[in-house]
Amino acid sequence: MRRDGSFEAHTLNDNGELIYDFSKDARYKDYVQAKKQGKSLSQFNEQERESYARYFAAAKEFINEGVVNPDGSLFKLGDDLPRAYSNRESQSMKSIADNVYGYYNKEDKSLVHYMFLGGLYM
């Protein structure tokens, strides 16, 4: 999170809940600034286009997942991203960490344990 710039976009509220602020995410800062200035896509410079491309890819993923905004409306292109990472990105990061550190949640552990080769492995 620190490396990609999304760490600074997260804060804790008074209830101890983790809150994501899209406008503070360094990955999308150029797009956010251009959007605030009212620029159209054809007026974007190279950095703003790159930032928009990142936003567009993330937004497509959220749309495919059927994500709902904090106000209860369905997420659509142009809305602020509700989270820093999609479910698919989060699961991918978790999978890499599981392979590196060897931790498995209960579901994964049971799958490995009850399969023939998994039983030998455990």
PDB file of N, CA and C in Angstrom:
ATOM      1  N   MET A   1       0.815  -1.193   0.000  1.00  0.00           N
ATOM      2  CA  MET A   1       0.000   0.000   0.000  1.00  0.00           C
ATOM      3  C   MET A   1       0.862   1.260   0.000  1.00  0.00           C
ATOM      4  N   ARG A   2       1.936   1.213   0.731  1.00  0.00           N
ATOM      5  CA  ARG A   2       2.816   2.383   0.739  1.00  0.00           C
ATOM      6  C   ARG A   2       3.452   2.589  -0.632  1.00  0.00           C
ATOM      7  N   ARG A   3       3.850   1.491  -1.240  1.00  0.00           N
ATOM      8  CA  ARG A   3       4.547   1.583  -2.520  1.00  0.00           C
ATOM      9  C   ARG A   3       3.640   2.121  -3.623  1.00  0.00           C
ATOM     10  N   ASP A   4       2.389   1.685  -3.668  1.00  0.00           N
ATOM     11  CA  ASP A   4       1.522   2.135  -4.757  1.00  0.00           C
ATOM     12  C   ASP A   4       0.800   3.443  -4.456  1.00  0.00           C
ATOM     13  N   GLY A   5       0.898   3.943  -3.234  1.00  0.00           N
ATOM     14  CA  GLY A   5       0.341   5.257  -2.915  1.00  0.00           C
ATOM     15  C   GLY A   5      -1.036   5.263  -2.304  1.00  0.00           C
ATOM     16  N   SER A   6      -1.588   4.098  -2.006  1.00  0.00           N
ATOM     17  CA  SER A   6      -2.937   4.068  -1.434  1.00  0.00           C
ATOM     18  C   SER A   6      -2.942   4.139   0.095  1.00  0.00           C
ATOM     19  N   PHE A   7      -1.795   3.999   0.721  1.00  0.00           N
ATOM     20  CA  PHE A   7      -1.718   3.999   2.181  1.00  0.00           C
ATOM     21  C   PHE A   7      -2.229   5.317   2.772  1.00  0.00           C
ATOM     22  N   GLU A   8      -1.815   6.433   2.177  1.00  0.00           N
ATOM     23  CA  GLU A   8      -2.191   7.748   2.683  1.00  0.00           C
ATOM     24  C   GLU A   8      -3.681   8.041   2.501  1.00  0.00           C
ATOM     25  N   ALA A   9      -4.348   7.275   1.666  1.00  0.00           N
ATOM     26  CA  ALA A   9      -5.775   7.478   1.414  1.00  0.00           C
ATOM     27  C   ALA A   9      -6.651   6.802   2.471  1.00  0.00           C
ATOM     28  N   HIS A  10      -6.042   6.097   3.393  1.00  0.00           N
ATOM     29  CA  HIS A  10      -6.788   5.403   4.452  1.00  0.00           C
ATOM     30  C   HIS A  10      -6.620   6.120   5.789  1.00  0.00           C
ATOM     31  N   THR A  11      -7.728   6.276   6.494  1.00  0.00           N
ATOM     32  CA  THR A  11      -7.708   6.861   7.836  1.00  0.00           C
ATOM     33  C   THR A  11      -8.674   6.082   8.724  1.00  0.00           C
ATOM     34  N   LEU A  12      -8.513   6.260  10.026  1.00  0.00           N
ATOM     35  CA  LEU A  12      -9.447   5.672  10.986  1.00  0.00           C
ATOM     36  C   LEU A  12     -10.411   6.744  11.455  1.00  0.00           C
ATOM     37  N   ASN A  13     -11.707   6.415  11.488  1.00  0.00           N
ATOM     38  CA  ASN A  13     -12.676   7.380  12.004  1.00  0.00           C
ATOM     39  C   ASN A  13     -12.793   7.210  13.521  1.00  0.00           C
ATOM     40  N   ASP A  14     -13.720   7.942  14.139  1.00  0.00           N
ATOM     41  CA  ASP A  14     -13.875   7.912  15.596  1.00  0.00           C
ATOM     42  C   ASP A  14     -14.300   6.541  16.117  1.00  0.00           C
ATOM     43  N   ASN A  15     -14.960   5.744  15.267  1.00  0.00           N
ATOM     44  CA  ASN A  15     -15.410   4.408  15.675  1.00  0.00           C
ATOM     45  C   ASN A  15     -14.343   3.342  15.429  1.00  0.00           C
ATOM     46  N   GLY A  16     -13.178   3.740  14.937  1.00  0.00           N
ATOM     47  CA  GLY A  16     -12.113   2.793  14.671  1.00  0.00           C
ATOM     48  C   GLY A  16     -12.262   2.073  13.346  1.00  0.00           C
ATOM     49  N   GLU A  17     -13.131   2.572  12.470  1.00  0.00           N
ATOM     50  CA  GLU A  17     -13.333   1.963  11.159  1.00  0.00           C
ATOM     51  C   GLU A  17     -12.346   2.556  10.158  1.00  0.00           C
ATOM     52  N   LEU A  18     -11.859   1.718   9.274  1.00  0.00           N
ATOM     53  CA  LEU A  18     -10.926   2.153   8.241  1.00  0.00           C
ATOM     54  C   LEU A  18     -11.714   2.791   7.104  1.00  0.00           C
ATOM     55  N   ILE A  19     -11.385   4.040   6.781  1.00  0.00           N
ATOM     56  CA  ILE A  19     -12.097   4.799   5.759  1.00  0.00           C
ATOM     57  C   ILE A  19     -11.134   5.092   4.605  1.00  0.00           C
ATOM     58  N   TYR A  20     -11.602   4.869   3.376  1.00  0.00           N
ATOM     59  CA  TYR A  20     -10.803   5.126   2.178  1.00  0.00           C
ATOM     60  C   TYR A  20     -11.284   6.417   1.536  1.00  0.00           C
ATOM     61  N   ASP A  21     -10.332   7.315   1.227  1.00  0.00           N
ATOM     62  CA  ASP A  21     -10.634   8.587   0.551  1.00  0.00           C
ATOM     63  C   ASP A  21      -9.969   8.573  -0.821  1.00  0.00           C
ATOM     64  N   PHE A  22     -10.779   8.371  -1.851  1.00  0.00           N
ATOM     65  CA  PHE A  22     -10.295   8.262  -3.230  1.00  0.00           C
ATOM     66  C   PHE A  22      -9.449   9.459  -3.635  1.00  0.00           C
ATOM     67  N   SER A  23      -9.818  10.646  -3.187  1.00  0.00           N
ATOM     68  CA  SER A  23      -9.111  11.858  -3.616  1.00  0.00           C
ATOM     69  C   SER A  23      -7.680  11.940  -3.069  1.00  0.00           C
ATOM     70  N   LYS A  24      -7.359  11.158  -2.050  1.00  0.00           N
ATOM     71  CA  LYS A  24      -6.013  11.165  -1.471  1.00  0.00           C
ATOM     72  C   LYS A  24      -5.119  10.042  -1.995  1.00  0.00           C
ATOM     73  N   ASP A  25      -5.659   9.182  -2.854  1.00  0.00           N
ATOM     74  CA  ASP A  25      -4.906   8.058  -3.388  1.00  0.00           C
ATOM     75  C   ASP A  25      -3.942   8.564  -4.456  1.00  0.00           C
ATOM     76  N   ALA A  26      -2.640   8.348  -4.245  1.00  0.00           N
ATOM     77  CA  ALA A  26      -1.609   8.865  -5.145  1.00  0.00           C
ATOM     78  C   ALA A  26      -1.697   8.270  -6.549  1.00  0.00           C
ATOM     79  N   ARG A  27      -2.271   7.074  -6.676  1.00  0.00           N
ATOM     80  CA  ARG A  27      -2.381   6.448  -7.994  1.00  0.00           C
ATOM     81  C   ARG A  27      -3.317   7.225  -8.920  1.00  0.00           C
ATOM     82  N   TYR A  28      -4.261   7.942  -8.332  1.00  0.00           N
ATOM     83  CA  TYR A  28      -5.279   8.631  -9.128  1.00  0.00           C
ATOM     84  C   TYR A  28      -5.241  10.147  -8.980  1.00  0.00           C
ATOM     85  N   LYS A  29      -4.196  10.698  -8.353  1.00  0.00           N
ATOM     86  CA  LYS A  29      -4.186  12.128  -8.024  1.00  0.00           C
ATOM     87  C   LYS A  29      -4.265  13.019  -9.262  1.00  0.00           C
ATOM     88  N   ASP A  30      -3.579  12.647 -10.340  1.00  0.00           N
ATOM     89  CA  ASP A  30      -3.623  13.468 -11.553  1.00  0.00           C
ATOM     90  C   ASP A  30      -5.026  13.477 -12.161  1.00  0.00           C
ATOM     91  N   TYR A  31      -5.679  12.327 -12.160  1.00  0.00           N
ATOM     92  CA  TYR A  31      -7.056  12.251 -12.666  1.00  0.00           C
ATOM     93  C   TYR A  31      -8.003  13.074 -11.800  1.00  0.00           C
ATOM     94  N   VAL A  32      -7.847  12.985 -10.479  1.00  0.00           N
ATOM     95  CA  VAL A  32      -8.713  13.739  -9.557  1.00  0.00           C
ATOM     96  C   VAL A  32      -8.544  15.240  -9.771  1.00  0.00           C
ATOM     97  N   GLN A  33      -7.301  15.695  -9.928  1.00  0.00           N
ATOM     98  CA  GLN A  33      -7.052  17.123 -10.161  1.00  0.00           C
ATOM     99  C   GLN A  33      -7.654  17.580 -11.485  1.00  0.00           C
ATOM    100  N   ALA A  34      -7.494  16.777 -12.534  1.00  0.00           N
ATOM    101  CA  ALA A  34      -8.055  17.138 -13.841  1.00  0.00           C
ATOM    102  C   ALA A  34      -9.586  17.171 -13.784  1.00  0.00           C
ATOM    103  N   LYS A  35     -10.156  16.248 -13.034  1.00  0.00           N
ATOM    104  CA  LYS A  35     -11.618  16.194 -12.872  1.00  0.00           C
ATOM    105  C   LYS A  35     -12.117  17.435 -12.138  1.00  0.00           C
ATOM    106  N   LYS A  36     -11.380  17.856 -11.105  1.00  0.00           N
ATOM    107  CA  LYS A  36     -11.755  19.060 -10.354  1.00  0.00           C
ATOM    108  C   LYS A  36     -11.666  20.310 -11.224  1.00  0.00           C
ATOM    109  N   GLN A  37     -10.713  20.327 -12.162  1.00  0.00           N
ATOM    110  CA  GLN A  37     -10.548  21.464 -13.062  1.00  0.00           C
ATOM    111  C   GLN A  37     -11.581  21.453 -14.189  1.00  0.00           C
ATOM    112  N   GLY A  38     -12.354  20.393 -14.288  1.00  0.00           N
ATOM    113  CA  GLY A  38     -13.386  20.307 -15.303  1.00  0.00           C
ATOM    114  C   GLY A  38     -12.877  19.957 -16.689  1.00  0.00           C
ATOM    115  N   LYS A  39     -11.690  19.365 -16.756  1.00  0.00           N
ATOM    116  CA  LYS A  39     -11.118  18.989 -18.053  1.00  0.00           C
ATOM    117  C   LYS A  39     -11.860  17.790 -18.636  1.00  0.00           C
ATOM    118  N   SER A  40     -11.975  17.776 -19.966  1.00  0.00           N
ATOM    119  CA  SER A  40     -12.513  16.600 -20.639  1.00  0.00           C
ATOM    120  C   SER A  40     -11.346  15.669 -20.950  1.00  0.00           C
ATOM    121  N   LEU A  41     -11.649  14.435 -21.295  1.00  0.00           N
ATOM    122  CA  LEU A  41     -10.611  13.439 -21.556  1.00  0.00           C
ATOM    123  C   LEU A  41      -9.669  13.883 -22.672  1.00  0.00           C
ATOM    124  N   SER A  42     -10.196  14.582 -23.658  1.00  0.00           N
ATOM    125  CA  SER A  42      -9.349  15.032 -24.775  1.00  0.00           C
ATOM    126  C   SER A  42      -8.370  16.127 -24.358  1.00  0.00           C
ATOM    127  N   GLN A  43      -8.607  16.766 -23.221  1.00  0.00           N
ATOM    128  CA  GLN A  43      -7.725  17.831 -22.727  1.00  0.00           C
ATOM    129  C   GLN A  43      -6.669  17.321 -21.738  1.00  0.00           C
ATOM    130  N   PHE A  44      -6.741  16.041 -21.389  1.00  0.00           N
ATOM    131  CA  PHE A  44      -5.807  15.469 -20.422  1.00  0.00           C
ATOM    132  C   PHE A  44      -4.399  15.434 -21.000  1.00  0.00           C
ATOM    133  N   ASN A  45      -3.403  15.728 -20.144  1.00  0.00           N
ATOM    134  CA  ASN A  45      -2.013  15.520 -20.540  1.00  0.00           C
ATOM    135  C   ASN A  45      -1.654  14.043 -20.328  1.00  0.00           C
ATOM    136  N   GLU A  46      -0.426  13.674 -20.602  1.00  0.00           N
ATOM    137  CA  GLU A  46      -0.003  12.274 -20.547  1.00  0.00           C
ATOM    138  C   GLU A  46      -0.174  11.676 -19.143  1.00  0.00           C
ATOM    139  N   GLN A  47       0.239  12.403 -18.105  1.00  0.00           N
ATOM    140  CA  GLN A  47       0.120  11.900 -16.730  1.00  0.00           C
ATOM    141  C   GLN A  47      -1.341  11.730 -16.331  1.00  0.00           C
ATOM    142  N   GLU A  48      -2.183  12.667 -16.730  1.00  0.00           N
ATOM    143  CA  GLU A  48      -3.609  12.574 -16.402  1.00  0.00           C
ATOM    144  C   GLU A  48      -4.258  11.402 -17.130  1.00  0.00           C
ATOM    145  N   ARG A  49      -3.846  11.155 -18.365  1.00  0.00           N
ATOM    146  CA  ARG A  49      -4.368  10.002 -19.110  1.00  0.00           C
ATOM    147  C   ARG A  49      -3.956   8.689 -18.449  1.00  0.00           C
ATOM    148  N   GLU A  50      -2.703   8.632 -18.005  1.00  0.00           N
ATOM    149  CA  GLU A  50      -2.216   7.426 -17.332  1.00  0.00           C
ATOM    150  C   GLU A  50      -2.985   7.190 -16.030  1.00  0.00           C
ATOM    151  N   SER A  51      -3.206   8.244 -15.286  1.00  0.00           N
ATOM    152  CA  SER A  51      -3.966   8.156 -14.045  1.00  0.00           C
ATOM    153  C   SER A  51      -5.411   7.746 -14.327  1.00  0.00           C
ATOM    154  N   TYR A  52      -5.991   8.297 -15.389  1.00  0.00           N
ATOM    155  CA  TYR A  52      -7.362   7.935 -15.770  1.00  0.00           C
ATOM    156  C   TYR A  52      -7.428   6.472 -16.201  1.00  0.00           C
ATOM    157  N   ALA A  53      -6.418   5.993 -16.911  1.00  0.00           N
ATOM    158  CA  ALA A  53      -6.401   4.591 -17.340  1.00  0.00           C
ATOM    159  C   ALA A  53      -6.406   3.661 -16.133  1.00  0.00           C
ATOM    160  N   ARG A  54      -5.639   4.015 -15.084  1.00  0.00           N
ATOM    161  CA  ARG A  54      -5.650   3.235 -13.844  1.00  0.00           C
ATOM    162  C   ARG A  54      -7.040   3.260 -13.212  1.00  0.00           C
ATOM    163  N   TYR A  55      -7.632   4.464 -13.179  1.00  0.00           N
ATOM    164  CA  TYR A  55      -8.979   4.601 -12.618  1.00  0.00           C
ATOM    165  C   TYR A  55      -9.972   3.767 -13.428  1.00  0.00           C
ATOM    166  N   PHE A  56      -9.915   3.864 -14.746  1.00  0.00           N
ATOM    167  CA  PHE A  56     -10.854   3.163 -15.610  1.00  0.00           C
ATOM    168  C   PHE A  56     -10.773   1.654 -15.407  1.00  0.00           C
ATOM    169  N   ALA A  57      -9.555   1.116 -15.310  1.00  0.00           N
ATOM    170  CA  ALA A  57      -9.368  -0.327 -15.085  1.00  0.00           C
ATOM    171  C   ALA A  57      -9.956  -0.747 -13.737  1.00  0.00           C
ATOM    172  N   ALA A  58      -9.703   0.052 -12.704  1.00  0.00           N
ATOM    173  CA  ALA A  58     -10.251  -0.258 -11.382  1.00  0.00           C
ATOM    174  C   ALA A  58     -11.769  -0.130 -11.383  1.00  0.00           C
ATOM    175  N   ALA A  59     -12.292   0.906 -12.043  1.00  0.00           N
ATOM    176  CA  ALA A  59     -13.740   1.129 -12.097  1.00  0.00           C
ATOM    177  C   ALA A  59     -14.438  -0.023 -12.818  1.00  0.00           C
ATOM    178  N   LYS A  60     -13.843  -0.509 -13.910  1.00  0.00           N
ATOM    179  CA  LYS A  60     -14.423  -1.652 -14.622  1.00  0.00           C
ATOM    180  C   LYS A  60     -14.504  -2.870 -13.720  1.00  0.00           C
ATOM    181  N   GLU A  61     -13.478  -3.079 -12.929  1.00  0.00           N
ATOM    182  CA  GLU A  61     -13.461  -4.211 -12.002  1.00  0.00           C
ATOM    183  C   GLU A  61     -14.574  -4.074 -10.958  1.00  0.00           C
ATOM    184  N   PHE A  62     -14.743  -2.871 -10.413  1.00  0.00           N
ATOM    185  CA  PHE A  62     -15.812  -2.637  -9.430  1.00  0.00           C
ATOM    186  C   PHE A  62     -17.193  -2.825 -10.063  1.00  0.00           C
ATOM    187  N   ILE A  63     -17.356  -2.377 -11.291  1.00  0.00           N
ATOM    188  CA  ILE A  63     -18.636  -2.545 -11.987  1.00  0.00           C
ATOM    189  C   ILE A  63     -18.925  -4.031 -12.201  1.00  0.00           C
ATOM    190  N   ASN A  64     -17.918  -4.799 -12.623  1.00  0.00           N
ATOM    191  CA  ASN A  64     -18.089  -6.242 -12.824  1.00  0.00           C
ATOM    192  C   ASN A  64     -18.436  -6.965 -11.529  1.00  0.00           C
ATOM    193  N   GLU A  65     -17.919  -6.459 -10.405  1.00  0.00           N
ATOM    194  CA  GLU A  65     -18.202  -7.072  -9.104  1.00  0.00           C
ATOM    195  C   GLU A  65     -19.557  -6.644  -8.548  1.00  0.00           C
ATOM    196  N   GLY A  66     -20.176  -5.625  -9.158  1.00  0.00           N
ATOM    197  CA  GLY A  66     -21.468  -5.141  -8.668  1.00  0.00           C
ATOM    198  C   GLY A  66     -21.355  -4.391  -7.355  1.00  0.00           C
ATOM    199  N   VAL A  67     -20.291  -3.632  -7.194  1.00  0.00           N
ATOM    200  CA  VAL A  67     -20.026  -2.907  -5.949  1.00  0.00           C
ATOM    201  C   VAL A  67     -21.051  -1.793  -5.743  1.00  0.00           C
ATOM    202  N   VAL A  68     -21.415  -1.596  -4.496  1.00  0.00           N
ATOM    203  CA  VAL A  68     -22.367  -0.551  -4.117  1.00  0.00           C
ATOM    204  C   VAL A  68     -21.601   0.572  -3.426  1.00  0.00           C
ATOM    205  N   ASN A  69     -21.918   1.817  -3.780  1.00  0.00           N
ATOM    206  CA  ASN A  69     -21.300   2.986  -3.152  1.00  0.00           C
ATOM    207  C   ASN A  69     -21.749   3.105  -1.699  1.00  0.00           C
ATOM    208  N   PRO A  70     -21.034   3.881  -0.879  1.00  0.00           N
ATOM    209  CA  PRO A  70     -21.440   4.063   0.519  1.00  0.00           C
ATOM    210  C   PRO A  70     -22.868   4.615   0.681  1.00  0.00           C
ATOM    211  N   ASP A  71     -23.359   5.361  -0.322  1.00  0.00           N
ATOM    212  CA  ASP A  71     -24.721   5.902  -0.232  1.00  0.00           C
ATOM    213  C   ASP A  71     -25.788   4.895  -0.655  1.00  0.00           C
ATOM    214  N   GLY A  72     -25.366   3.689  -1.048  1.00  0.00           N
ATOM    215  CA  GLY A  72     -26.320   2.643  -1.411  1.00  0.00           C
ATOM    216  C   GLY A  72     -26.576   2.515  -2.906  1.00  0.00           C
ATOM    217  N   SER A  73     -26.083   3.448  -3.709  1.00  0.00           N
ATOM    218  CA  SER A  73     -26.290   3.372  -5.159  1.00  0.00           C
ATOM    219  C   SER A  73     -25.255   2.434  -5.785  1.00  0.00           C
ATOM    220  N   LEU A  74     -25.602   1.880  -6.928  1.00  0.00           N
ATOM    221  CA  LEU A  74     -24.691   0.993  -7.634  1.00  0.00           C
ATOM    222  C   LEU A  74     -23.535   1.807  -8.210  1.00  0.00           C
ATOM    223  N   PHE A  75     -22.319   1.307  -8.064  1.00  0.00           N
ATOM    224  CA  PHE A  75     -21.139   2.012  -8.571  1.00  0.00           C
ATOM    225  C   PHE A  75     -21.212   2.119 -10.087  1.00  0.00           C
ATOM    226  N   LYS A  76     -20.859   3.307 -10.617  1.00  0.00           N
ATOM    227  CA  LYS A  76     -20.818   3.510 -12.069  1.00  0.00           C
ATOM    228  C   LYS A  76     -19.573   4.317 -12.414  1.00  0.00           C
ATOM    229  N   LEU A  77     -19.194   4.273 -13.682  1.00  0.00           N
ATOM    230  CA  LEU A  77     -18.029   4.996 -14.155  1.00  0.00           C
ATOM    231  C   LEU A  77     -18.197   6.488 -13.880  1.00  0.00           C
ATOM    232  N   GLY A  78     -17.173   7.100 -13.312  1.00  0.00           N
ATOM    233  CA  GLY A  78     -17.224   8.512 -12.949  1.00  0.00           C
ATOM    234  C   GLY A  78     -17.351   8.729 -11.450  1.00  0.00           C
ATOM    235  N   ASP A  79     -17.846   7.711 -10.725  1.00  0.00           N
ATOM    236  CA  ASP A  79     -17.941   7.800  -9.264  1.00  0.00           C
ATOM    237  C   ASP A  79     -16.552   7.656  -8.655  1.00  0.00           C
ATOM    238  N   ASP A  80     -16.386   8.197  -7.453  1.00  0.00           N
ATOM    239  CA  ASP A  80     -15.151   7.959  -6.706  1.00  0.00           C
ATOM    240  C   ASP A  80     -15.092   6.479  -6.339  1.00  0.00           C
ATOM    241  N   LEU A  81     -13.900   5.905  -6.395  1.00  0.00           N
ATOM    242  CA  LEU A  81     -13.757   4.497  -6.056  1.00  0.00           C
ATOM    243  C   LEU A  81     -14.104   4.285  -4.586  1.00  0.00           C
ATOM    244  N   PRO A  82     -14.919   3.280  -4.273  1.00  0.00           N
ATOM    245  CA  PRO A  82     -15.327   3.056  -2.882  1.00  0.00           C
ATOM    246  C   PRO A  82     -14.247   2.409  -2.014  1.00  0.00           C
ATOM    247  N   ARG A  83     -13.314   1.696  -2.643  1.00  0.00           N
ATOM    248  CA  ARG A  83     -12.228   1.027  -1.920  1.00  0.00           C
ATOM    249  C   ARG A  83     -10.950   1.156  -2.726  1.00  0.00           C
ATOM    250  N   ALA A  84      -9.835   0.917  -2.088  1.00  0.00           N
ATOM    251  CA  ALA A  84      -8.544   1.010  -2.781  1.00  0.00           C
ATOM    252  C   ALA A  84      -8.327  -0.153  -3.735  1.00  0.00           C
ATOM    253  N   TYR A  85      -8.849  -1.316  -3.399  1.00  0.00           N
ATOM    254  CA  TYR A  85      -8.630  -2.510  -4.206  1.00  0.00           C
ATOM    255  C   TYR A  85      -9.934  -3.264  -4.403  1.00  0.00           C
ATOM    256  N   SER A  86     -10.080  -3.874  -5.574  1.00  0.00           N
ATOM    257  CA  SER A  86     -11.249  -4.709  -5.839  1.00  0.00           C
ATOM    258  C   SER A  86     -11.090  -6.025  -5.086  1.00  0.00           C
ATOM    259  N   ASN A  87     -12.163  -6.801  -5.029  1.00  0.00           N
ATOM    260  CA  ASN A  87     -12.088  -8.103  -4.361  1.00  0.00           C
ATOM    261  C   ASN A  87     -11.068  -9.010  -5.041  1.00  0.00           C
ATOM    262  N   ARG A  88     -11.007  -8.948  -6.365  1.00  0.00           N
ATOM    263  CA  ARG A  88     -10.061  -9.778  -7.097  1.00  0.00           C
ATOM    264  C   ARG A  88      -8.620  -9.395  -6.769  1.00  0.00           C
ATOM    265  N   GLU A  89      -8.333  -8.088  -6.701  1.00  0.00           N
ATOM    266  CA  GLU A  89      -6.981  -7.649  -6.348  1.00  0.00           C
ATOM    267  C   GLU A  89      -6.632  -8.063  -4.922  1.00  0.00           C
ATOM    268  N   SER A  90      -7.575  -7.900  -4.006  1.00  0.00           N
ATOM    269  CA  SER A  90      -7.342  -8.278  -2.608  1.00  0.00           C
ATOM    270  C   SER A  90      -7.068  -9.772  -2.480  1.00  0.00           C
ATOM    271  N   GLN A  91      -7.871 -10.579  -3.179  1.00  0.00           N
ATOM    272  CA  GLN A  91      -7.685 -12.034  -3.128  1.00  0.00           C
ATOM    273  C   GLN A  91      -6.339 -12.429  -3.728  1.00  0.00           C
ATOM    274  N   SER A  92      -5.940 -11.738  -4.783  1.00  0.00           N
ATOM    275  CA  SER A  92      -4.640 -12.013  -5.415  1.00  0.00           C
ATOM    276  C   SER A  92      -3.499 -11.706  -4.456  1.00  0.00           C
ATOM    277  N   MET A  93      -3.568 -10.565  -3.768  1.00  0.00           N
ATOM    278  CA  MET A  93      -2.528 -10.208  -2.794  1.00  0.00           C
ATOM    279  C   MET A  93      -2.493 -11.203  -1.644  1.00  0.00           C
ATOM    280  N   LYS A  94      -3.672 -11.643  -1.196  1.00  0.00           N
ATOM    281  CA  LYS A  94      -3.751 -12.614  -0.113  1.00  0.00           C
ATOM    282  C   LYS A  94      -3.145 -13.948  -0.541  1.00  0.00           C
ATOM    283  N   SER A  95      -3.410 -14.343  -1.764  1.00  0.00           N
ATOM    284  CA  SER A  95      -2.877 -15.595  -2.280  1.00  0.00           C
ATOM    285  C   SER A  95      -1.350 -15.564  -2.326  1.00  0.00           C
ATOM    286  N   ILE A  96      -0.798 -14.453  -2.771  1.00  0.00           N
ATOM    287  CA  ILE A  96       0.665 -14.314  -2.805  1.00  0.00           C
ATOM    288  C   ILE A  96       1.232 -14.388  -1.386  1.00  0.00           C
ATOM    289  N   ALA A  97       0.594 -13.694  -0.452  1.00  0.00           N
ATOM    290  CA  ALA A  97       1.068 -13.720   0.933  1.00  0.00           C
ATOM    291  C   ALA A  97       0.957 -15.120   1.524  1.00  0.00           C
ATOM    292  N   ASP A  98      -0.127 -15.834   1.201  1.00  0.00           N
ATOM    293  CA  ASP A  98      -0.276 -17.211   1.686  1.00  0.00           C
ATOM    294  C   ASP A  98       0.853 -18.096   1.180  1.00  0.00           C
ATOM    295  N   ASN A  99       1.201 -17.941  -0.081  1.00  0.00           N
ATOM    296  CA  ASN A  99       2.279 -18.760  -0.645  1.00  0.00           C
ATOM    297  C   ASN A  99       3.629 -18.398  -0.058  1.00  0.00           C
ATOM    298  N   VAL A 100       3.858 -17.121   0.197  1.00  0.00           N
ATOM    299  CA  VAL A 100       5.146 -16.683   0.727  1.00  0.00           C
ATOM    300  C   VAL A 100       5.289 -17.057   2.197  1.00  0.00           C
ATOM    301  N   TYR A 101       4.245 -16.803   2.993  1.00  0.00           N
ATOM    302  CA  TYR A 101       4.337 -16.998   4.441  1.00  0.00           C
ATOM    303  C   TYR A 101       3.761 -18.322   4.920  1.00  0.00           C
ATOM    304  N   GLY A 102       3.041 -19.032   4.067  1.00  0.00           N
ATOM    305  CA  GLY A 102       2.538 -20.342   4.450  1.00  0.00           C
ATOM    306  C   GLY A 102       1.282 -20.336   5.285  1.00  0.00           C
ATOM    307  N   TYR A 103       0.575 -19.230   5.387  1.00  0.00           N
ATOM    308  CA  TYR A 103      -0.668 -19.194   6.155  1.00  0.00           C
ATOM    309  C   TYR A 103      -1.834 -19.553   5.252  1.00  0.00           C
ATOM    310  N   TYR A 104      -2.751 -20.333   5.766  1.00  0.00           N
ATOM    311  CA  TYR A 104      -3.961 -20.678   5.025  1.00  0.00           C
ATOM    312  C   TYR A 104      -5.167 -20.432   5.916  1.00  0.00           C
ATOM    313  N   ASN A 105      -6.216 -19.834   5.345  1.00  0.00           N
ATOM    314  CA  ASN A 105      -7.437 -19.673   6.129  1.00  0.00           C
ATOM    315  C   ASN A 105      -8.092 -21.046   6.297  1.00  0.00           C
ATOM    316  N   LYS A 106      -9.163 -21.125   7.064  1.00  0.00           N
ATOM    317  CA  LYS A 106      -9.770 -22.422   7.383  1.00  0.00           C
ATOM    318  C   LYS A 106     -10.250 -23.159   6.139  1.00  0.00           C
ATOM    319  N   GLU A 107     -10.825 -22.430   5.179  1.00  0.00           N
ATOM    320  CA  GLU A 107     -11.334 -23.079   3.968  1.00  0.00           C
ATOM    321  C   GLU A 107     -10.195 -23.687   3.148  1.00  0.00           C
ATOM    322  N   ASP A 108      -9.126 -22.917   2.947  1.00  0.00           N
ATOM    323  CA  ASP A 108      -7.995 -23.418   2.164  1.00  0.00           C
ATOM    324  C   ASP A 108      -7.309 -24.579   2.877  1.00  0.00           C
ATOM    325  N   LYS A 109      -7.191 -24.467   4.183  1.00  0.00           N
ATOM    326  CA  LYS A 109      -6.523 -25.520   4.938  1.00  0.00           C
ATOM    327  C   LYS A 109      -7.320 -26.821   4.852  1.00  0.00           C
ATOM    328  N   SER A 110      -8.641 -26.712   4.937  1.00  0.00           N
ATOM    329  CA  SER A 110      -9.454 -27.929   4.864  1.00  0.00           C
ATOM    330  C   SER A 110      -9.365 -28.565   3.485  1.00  0.00           C
ATOM    331  N   LEU A 111      -9.299 -27.747   2.439  1.00  0.00           N
ATOM    332  CA  LEU A 111      -9.155 -28.297   1.089  1.00  0.00           C
ATOM    333  C   LEU A 111      -7.833 -29.052   0.953  1.00  0.00           C
ATOM    334  N   VAL A 112      -6.775 -28.458   1.451  1.00  0.00           N
ATOM    335  CA  VAL A 112      -5.465 -29.096   1.361  1.00  0.00           C
ATOM    336  C   VAL A 112      -5.420 -30.349   2.227  1.00  0.00           C
ATOM    337  N   HIS A 113      -5.977 -30.266   3.426  1.00  0.00           N
ATOM    338  CA  HIS A 113      -5.907 -31.362   4.385  1.00  0.00           C
ATOM    339  C   HIS A 113      -6.687 -32.594   3.927  1.00  0.00           C
ATOM    340  N   TYR A 114      -7.852 -32.397   3.334  1.00  0.00           N
ATOM    341  CA  TYR A 114      -8.718 -33.522   2.995  1.00  0.00           C
ATOM    342  C   TYR A 114      -8.485 -34.089   1.596  1.00  0.00           C
ATOM    343  N   MET A 115      -7.620 -33.514   0.854  1.00  0.00           N
ATOM    344  CA  MET A 115      -7.248 -34.116  -0.431  1.00  0.00           C
ATOM    345  C   MET A 115      -6.128 -35.099  -0.166  1.00  0.00           C
ATOM    346  N   PHE A 116      -6.034 -36.140  -0.950  1.00  0.00           N
ATOM    347  CA  PHE A 116      -5.043 -37.183  -0.723  1.00  0.00           C
ATOM    348  C   PHE A 116      -3.624 -36.630  -0.620  1.00  0.00           C
ATOM    349  N   LEU A 117      -3.212 -35.872  -1.621  1.00  0.00           N
ATOM    350  CA  LEU A 117      -1.847 -35.324  -1.589  1.00  0.00           C
ATOM    351  C   LEU A 117      -1.717 -34.281  -0.507  1.00  0.00           C
ATOM    352  N   GLY A 118      -2.807 -33.559  -0.246  1.00  0.00           N
ATOM    353  CA  GLY A 118      -2.778 -32.557   0.817  1.00  0.00           C
ATOM    354  C   GLY A 118      -2.593 -33.205   2.173  1.00  0.00           C
ATOM    355  N   GLY A 119      -3.207 -34.368   2.367  1.00  0.00           N
ATOM    356  CA  GLY A 119      -3.046 -35.102   3.622  1.00  0.00           C
ATOM    357  C   GLY A 119      -1.604 -35.530   3.828  1.00  0.00           C
ATOM    358  N   LEU A 120      -0.955 -35.925   2.769  1.00  0.00           N
ATOM    359  CA  LEU A 120       0.471 -36.288   2.866  1.00  0.00           C
ATOM    360  C   LEU A 120       1.324 -35.080   3.159  1.00  0.00           C
ATOM    361  N   TYR A 121       0.938 -33.941   2.576  1.00  0.00           N
ATOM    362  CA  TYR A 121       1.688 -32.708   2.753  1.00  0.00           C
ATOM    363  C   TYR A 121       1.605 -32.188   4.174  1.00  0.00           C
ATOM    364  N   MET A 122       0.421 -32.252   4.770  1.00  0.00           N
ATOM    365  CA  MET A 122       0.207 -31.741   6.120  1.00  0.00           C
ATOM    366  C   MET A 122       0.806 -32.712   7.089  1.00  0.00           C
TER     367      MET A 122
END
